[in-house]
Amino acid sequence: MIDETAGRRVARLSSLSVTGTIGILLRAKKEGYPVSLQQAIERMLTRGIRLSATVITFALEQAGESG
């Protein structure tokens, strides 16, 4: 799991698959873990983690938490 641009680039060049924090949270939710993407995103933003509006919208839609 990696979110930094440089780290993602190196991982891809090394033929590794890359999954970020949002991807891990979505997978956990799909597997039945009691995860609130909305709460997780709010906590990430509060702690200074930058997420684009596009990523936030996509994550909430995929998690069935949009609206």
N, C-alpha and C. Protein backbone atom coordinates (compact mmCIF):
# COMPACT_ATOMS: atom_id res chain seq x y z
N MET A 1 0.85 -1.16 0.00
CA MET A 1 0.00 0.00 0.00
C MET A 1 0.90 1.23 0.00
N ILE A 2 0.61 2.15 -0.90
CA ILE A 2 1.41 3.37 -0.97
C ILE A 2 0.59 4.48 -1.61
N ASP A 3 0.75 5.69 -1.11
CA ASP A 3 0.00 6.82 -1.63
C ASP A 3 0.89 7.90 -2.26
N GLU A 4 2.16 7.91 -1.96
CA GLU A 4 3.04 8.95 -2.46
C GLU A 4 3.34 8.75 -3.94
N THR A 5 3.37 9.84 -4.69
CA THR A 5 3.59 9.79 -6.13
C THR A 5 4.89 9.10 -6.50
N ALA A 6 5.97 9.50 -5.86
CA ALA A 6 7.27 8.91 -6.17
C ALA A 6 7.29 7.41 -5.85
N GLY A 7 6.72 7.04 -4.73
CA GLY A 7 6.67 5.64 -4.35
C GLY A 7 5.84 4.81 -5.32
N ARG A 8 4.73 5.38 -5.78
CA ARG A 8 3.90 4.68 -6.76
C ARG A 8 4.67 4.47 -8.06
N ARG A 9 5.41 5.48 -8.46
CA ARG A 9 6.17 5.39 -9.71
C ARG A 9 7.22 4.28 -9.62
N VAL A 10 7.94 4.25 -8.52
CA VAL A 10 8.96 3.22 -8.32
C VAL A 10 8.32 1.83 -8.28
N ALA A 11 7.20 1.71 -7.60
CA ALA A 11 6.52 0.42 -7.51
C ALA A 11 6.08 -0.06 -8.90
N ARG A 12 5.52 0.83 -9.68
CA ARG A 12 5.08 0.45 -11.03
C ARG A 12 6.26 0.06 -11.90
N LEU A 13 7.36 0.81 -11.80
CA LEU A 13 8.56 0.47 -12.58
C LEU A 13 9.12 -0.88 -12.17
N SER A 14 8.83 -1.30 -10.95
CA SER A 14 9.28 -2.59 -10.44
C SER A 14 8.23 -3.67 -10.67
N SER A 15 7.21 -3.36 -11.45
CA SER A 15 6.12 -4.29 -11.79
C SER A 15 5.33 -4.75 -10.58
N LEU A 16 5.22 -3.90 -9.58
CA LEU A 16 4.42 -4.20 -8.40
C LEU A 16 3.04 -3.58 -8.57
N SER A 17 2.02 -4.24 -8.05
CA SER A 17 0.70 -3.62 -8.09
C SER A 17 0.62 -2.60 -6.96
N VAL A 18 -0.15 -1.57 -7.19
CA VAL A 18 -0.22 -0.45 -6.24
C VAL A 18 -1.66 -0.28 -5.77
N THR A 19 -1.83 -0.19 -4.46
CA THR A 19 -3.14 0.09 -3.88
C THR A 19 -2.95 1.18 -2.82
N GLY A 20 -3.76 2.20 -2.90
CA GLY A 20 -3.69 3.28 -1.93
C GLY A 20 -4.64 3.05 -0.76
N THR A 21 -4.66 3.99 0.13
CA THR A 21 -5.49 3.89 1.33
C THR A 21 -6.96 3.73 0.99
N ILE A 22 -7.45 4.52 0.06
CA ILE A 22 -8.86 4.45 -0.33
C ILE A 22 -9.17 3.07 -0.89
N GLY A 23 -8.28 2.52 -1.69
CA GLY A 23 -8.48 1.19 -2.24
C GLY A 23 -8.57 0.12 -1.16
N ILE A 24 -7.73 0.23 -0.14
CA ILE A 24 -7.75 -0.72 0.97
C ILE A 24 -9.07 -0.60 1.74
N LEU A 25 -9.51 0.63 1.98
CA LEU A 25 -10.76 0.84 2.70
C LEU A 25 -11.95 0.30 1.91
N LEU A 26 -11.97 0.53 0.59
CA LEU A 26 -13.07 0.01 -0.24
C LEU A 26 -13.08 -1.51 -0.24
N ARG A 27 -11.92 -2.11 -0.32
CA ARG A 27 -11.85 -3.58 -0.30
C ARG A 27 -12.38 -4.12 1.03
N ALA A 28 -11.98 -3.48 2.12
CA ALA A 28 -12.45 -3.91 3.45
C ALA A 28 -13.97 -3.83 3.53
N LYS A 29 -14.53 -2.74 3.02
CA LYS A 29 -15.99 -2.58 3.05
C LYS A 29 -16.67 -3.66 2.22
N LYS A 30 -16.13 -3.92 1.02
CA LYS A 30 -16.71 -4.94 0.15
C LYS A 30 -16.62 -6.34 0.77
N GLU A 31 -15.61 -6.56 1.60
CA GLU A 31 -15.45 -7.86 2.25
C GLU A 31 -16.25 -7.98 3.53
N GLY A 32 -17.02 -6.94 3.85
CA GLY A 32 -17.93 -7.03 4.98
C GLY A 32 -17.46 -6.40 6.28
N TYR A 33 -16.30 -5.75 6.26
CA TYR A 33 -15.84 -5.08 7.47
C TYR A 33 -16.67 -3.81 7.68
N PRO A 34 -16.96 -3.48 8.93
CA PRO A 34 -17.79 -2.30 9.21
C PRO A 34 -16.99 -1.00 9.06
N VAL A 35 -16.80 -0.59 7.82
CA VAL A 35 -16.00 0.58 7.52
C VAL A 35 -16.90 1.69 7.02
N SER A 36 -16.74 2.88 7.55
CA SER A 36 -17.43 4.06 7.04
C SER A 36 -16.40 4.86 6.25
N LEU A 37 -16.55 4.87 4.93
CA LEU A 37 -15.63 5.64 4.11
C LEU A 37 -15.75 7.12 4.43
N GLN A 38 -16.96 7.58 4.68
CA GLN A 38 -17.16 9.00 5.01
C GLN A 38 -16.35 9.40 6.24
N GLN A 39 -16.43 8.61 7.29
CA GLN A 39 -15.68 8.91 8.51
C GLN A 39 -14.17 8.80 8.28
N ALA A 40 -13.75 7.79 7.54
CA ALA A 40 -12.34 7.60 7.27
C ALA A 40 -11.78 8.78 6.47
N ILE A 41 -12.52 9.21 5.47
CA ILE A 41 -12.09 10.35 4.65
C ILE A 41 -12.02 11.61 5.49
N GLU A 42 -13.02 11.84 6.33
CA GLU A 42 -13.01 13.02 7.19
C GLU A 42 -11.78 13.01 8.10
N ARG A 43 -11.45 11.86 8.66
CA ARG A 43 -10.27 11.75 9.53
C ARG A 43 -8.99 12.01 8.74
N MET A 44 -8.92 11.48 7.53
CA MET A 44 -7.73 11.70 6.71
C MET A 44 -7.55 13.19 6.41
N LEU A 45 -8.64 13.84 6.03
CA LEU A 45 -8.57 15.27 5.72
C LEU A 45 -8.18 16.09 6.95
N THR A 46 -8.73 15.73 8.10
CA THR A 46 -8.42 16.41 9.35
C THR A 46 -6.94 16.31 9.69
N ARG A 47 -6.33 15.18 9.33
CA ARG A 47 -4.92 14.95 9.63
C ARG A 47 -3.99 15.45 8.53
N GLY A 48 -4.54 16.20 7.57
CA GLY A 48 -3.71 16.83 6.55
C GLY A 48 -3.43 15.99 5.32
N ILE A 49 -4.11 14.86 5.18
CA ILE A 49 -3.94 14.04 3.99
C ILE A 49 -4.80 14.65 2.89
N ARG A 50 -4.18 14.90 1.76
CA ARG A 50 -4.89 15.56 0.66
C ARG A 50 -5.55 14.52 -0.24
N LEU A 51 -6.82 14.73 -0.50
CA LEU A 51 -7.59 13.89 -1.41
C LEU A 51 -8.37 14.82 -2.34
N SER A 52 -8.37 14.51 -3.62
CA SER A 52 -9.12 15.34 -4.56
C SER A 52 -10.61 15.08 -4.39
N ALA A 53 -11.40 16.05 -4.82
CA ALA A 53 -12.85 15.90 -4.78
C ALA A 53 -13.28 14.71 -5.63
N THR A 54 -12.57 14.47 -6.73
CA THR A 54 -12.87 13.35 -7.61
C THR A 54 -12.68 12.02 -6.89
N VAL A 55 -11.59 11.88 -6.15
CA VAL A 55 -11.31 10.65 -5.41
C VAL A 55 -12.35 10.45 -4.31
N ILE A 56 -12.68 11.52 -3.61
CA ILE A 56 -13.67 11.43 -2.54
C ILE A 56 -15.02 10.99 -3.09
N THR A 57 -15.46 11.63 -4.17
CA THR A 57 -16.75 11.29 -4.78
C THR A 57 -16.76 9.84 -5.25
N PHE A 58 -15.69 9.42 -5.92
CA PHE A 58 -15.59 8.04 -6.41
C PHE A 58 -15.67 7.05 -5.24
N ALA A 59 -14.91 7.31 -4.19
CA ALA A 59 -14.86 6.40 -3.05
C ALA A 59 -16.23 6.28 -2.39
N LEU A 60 -16.89 7.39 -2.18
CA LEU A 60 -18.19 7.36 -1.53
C LEU A 60 -19.24 6.66 -2.40
N GLU A 61 -19.16 6.87 -3.73
CA GLU A 61 -20.08 6.19 -4.63
C GLU A 61 -19.85 4.68 -4.60
N GLN A 62 -18.59 4.27 -4.66
CA GLN A 62 -18.25 2.84 -4.66
C GLN A 62 -18.67 2.18 -3.36
N ALA A 63 -18.61 2.94 -2.26
CA ALA A 63 -18.96 2.40 -0.96
C ALA A 63 -20.47 2.46 -0.69
N GLY A 64 -21.20 3.09 -1.61
CA GLY A 64 -22.64 3.23 -1.42
C GLY A 64 -22.97 4.25 -0.34
N GLU A 65 -22.07 5.22 -0.16
CA GLU A 65 -22.28 6.23 0.89
C GLU A 65 -22.49 7.62 0.31
N SER A 66 -22.73 7.74 -0.97
CA SER A 66 -22.93 9.06 -1.56
C SER A 66 -24.38 9.47 -1.40
N GLY A 67 -24.60 10.76 -1.44
CA GLY A 67 -25.98 11.21 -1.43
C GLY A 67 -26.27 11.99 -0.25
